[in-house]
Protein backbone atom coordinates (compact mmCIF):
# COMPACT_ATOMS: atom_id res chain seq x y z
CA UNK A 1 -6.23 93.18 144.60
CA UNK A 2 -5.98 91.50 141.23
CA UNK A 3 -2.57 92.26 139.74
CA UNK A 4 -3.75 92.12 136.12
CA UNK A 5 -6.63 94.53 136.81
CA UNK A 6 -4.24 96.85 138.64
CA UNK A 7 -1.91 96.88 135.62
CA UNK A 8 -4.80 97.43 133.19
CA UNK A 9 -6.18 100.30 135.27
CA UNK A 10 -2.71 101.85 135.50
CA UNK A 11 -2.44 101.63 131.71
CA UNK A 12 -5.90 103.20 131.37
CA UNK A 13 -4.85 106.07 133.64
CA UNK A 14 -1.62 106.59 131.68
CA UNK A 15 -3.68 106.82 128.50
CA UNK A 16 -5.92 109.44 130.11
CA UNK A 17 -2.86 111.46 131.07
CA UNK A 18 -1.73 111.33 127.43
CA UNK A 19 1.18 108.95 127.98
CA UNK A 20 1.41 106.49 125.12
CA UNK A 21 -1.66 107.70 123.28
CA UNK A 22 -1.72 107.39 119.52
CA UNK A 23 -1.47 110.59 117.55
CA UNK A 24 -4.63 111.89 115.89
CA UNK A 25 -3.20 114.74 113.85
CA UNK A 26 -2.07 113.91 110.31
CA UNK A 27 1.48 115.09 110.98
CA UNK A 28 1.68 113.16 114.26
CA UNK A 29 0.48 109.97 112.55
CA UNK A 30 3.05 110.40 109.76
CA UNK A 31 5.82 110.68 112.33
CA UNK A 32 4.50 107.77 114.41
CA UNK A 33 4.30 105.38 111.44
CA UNK A 34 7.33 106.78 109.56
CA UNK A 35 5.31 107.34 106.44
CA UNK A 36 1.82 106.32 105.42
CA UNK A 37 -0.26 105.45 108.49
CA UNK A 38 -2.81 102.62 108.38
CA UNK A 39 -6.41 103.62 107.83
CA UNK A 40 -8.39 104.21 110.97
CA UNK A 41 -10.84 101.46 111.67
CA UNK A 42 -10.70 101.36 115.43
CA UNK A 43 -13.57 100.22 117.62
CA UNK A 44 -14.53 103.74 118.65
CA UNK A 45 -15.24 105.09 115.18
CA UNK A 46 -14.77 108.69 116.28
CA UNK A 47 -12.02 111.29 116.37
CA UNK A 48 -10.56 112.85 119.45
CA UNK A 49 -12.11 116.35 119.56
CA UNK A 50 -9.22 117.80 121.58
CA UNK A 51 -6.63 116.26 119.25
CA UNK A 52 -4.87 114.62 122.21
CA UNK A 53 -4.66 111.22 120.54
CA UNK A 54 -6.57 107.96 120.60
CA UNK A 55 -6.66 105.49 123.46
CA UNK A 56 -5.37 102.09 122.50
CA UNK A 57 -7.78 99.15 122.46
CA UNK A 58 -6.89 97.90 125.96
CA UNK A 59 -7.49 101.29 127.58
CA UNK A 60 -10.67 101.77 125.55
CA UNK A 61 -12.04 98.41 126.75
CA UNK A 62 -11.31 99.40 130.35
CA UNK A 63 -13.05 102.76 129.74
CA UNK A 64 -16.13 101.04 128.34
CA UNK A 65 -16.26 98.47 131.15
CA UNK A 66 -15.85 101.16 133.83
CA UNK A 67 -18.83 103.04 132.44
CA UNK A 68 -21.04 100.01 133.12
CA UNK A 69 -20.03 99.83 136.80
CA UNK A 70 -21.62 101.50 139.80
CA UNK A 71 -20.62 105.07 140.59
CA UNK A 72 -18.65 104.01 143.67
CA UNK A 73 -16.38 101.85 141.48
CA UNK A 74 -15.89 104.66 138.96
CA UNK A 75 -15.01 107.11 141.74
CA UNK A 76 -12.42 104.80 143.28
CA UNK A 77 -10.92 104.07 139.83
CA UNK A 78 -10.48 107.75 139.05
CA UNK A 79 -9.26 108.64 142.53
CA UNK A 80 -6.77 105.79 142.90
CA UNK A 81 -5.38 105.59 139.37
CA UNK A 82 -5.70 109.04 137.86
CA UNK A 83 -4.81 111.32 140.76
CA UNK A 84 -1.41 111.60 142.40
CA UNK A 85 -0.79 111.20 146.09
CA UNK A 86 -0.59 108.48 148.69
CA UNK A 87 -3.46 106.08 149.25
CA UNK A 88 -4.02 107.35 152.81
CA UNK A 89 -4.55 110.86 151.41
CA UNK A 90 -6.92 109.54 148.75
CA UNK A 91 -8.92 107.61 151.36
CA UNK A 92 -9.17 110.77 153.46
CA UNK A 93 -10.43 112.76 150.42
CA UNK A 94 -13.15 110.16 149.90
CA UNK A 95 -13.98 110.12 153.61
CA UNK A 96 -13.15 106.44 153.96
CA UNK A 97 -11.12 104.54 156.54
CA UNK A 98 -7.94 103.08 155.03
CA UNK A 99 -9.20 99.47 155.22
CA UNK A 100 -12.51 100.37 153.53
CA UNK A 101 -10.60 102.19 150.78
CA UNK A 102 -8.60 99.03 149.99
CA UNK A 103 -11.71 96.85 150.24
CA UNK A 104 -13.42 99.09 147.67
CA UNK A 105 -10.33 98.98 145.45
CA UNK A 106 -10.44 95.17 145.56
CA UNK A 107 -14.19 95.23 144.80
CA UNK A 108 -13.45 97.49 141.81
CA UNK A 109 -10.95 94.95 140.45
CA UNK A 110 -13.47 92.10 140.74
CA UNK A 111 -16.32 94.14 139.24
CA UNK A 112 -14.13 95.31 136.35
CA UNK A 113 -12.95 91.78 135.62
CA UNK A 114 -16.56 90.57 135.53
CA UNK A 115 -17.64 93.47 133.29
CA UNK A 116 -14.77 92.90 130.86
CA UNK A 117 -15.46 89.16 130.68
CA UNK A 118 -19.15 89.90 130.06
CA UNK A 119 -18.29 92.39 127.32
CA UNK A 120 -15.85 89.98 125.63
CA UNK A 121 -18.43 87.19 125.77
CA UNK A 122 -20.99 89.43 124.04
CA UNK A 123 -18.45 90.36 121.35
CA UNK A 124 -17.70 86.68 120.61
CA UNK A 125 -21.38 85.77 120.36
CA UNK A 126 -22.16 88.85 118.24
């Protein structure tokens, strides 16, 4: 496992659970910024339709990179980081032996790192 990818994916999952998300409602933004909030000019360019808040840039980059990966990587990311329970239980839900589960988790970290580097390289050239 790559520690930095593990931390980024944990942050991404926390954002999905609504922990640490930026407020989208006008009142929530006033409270968050103690007055006049900065104008929205984030990379997404869209509002949160459920009014749960906006993901920060780091979580949004992980979200975008995950969407470019194979389904098996997306499934393991959601299962391991977004759902509670022990890893043995998660492996059983996916029908995988414990060792294979951890091998796929490691493969996710490498694939995500590659996808994020590729995305950042395109942004710099663009």
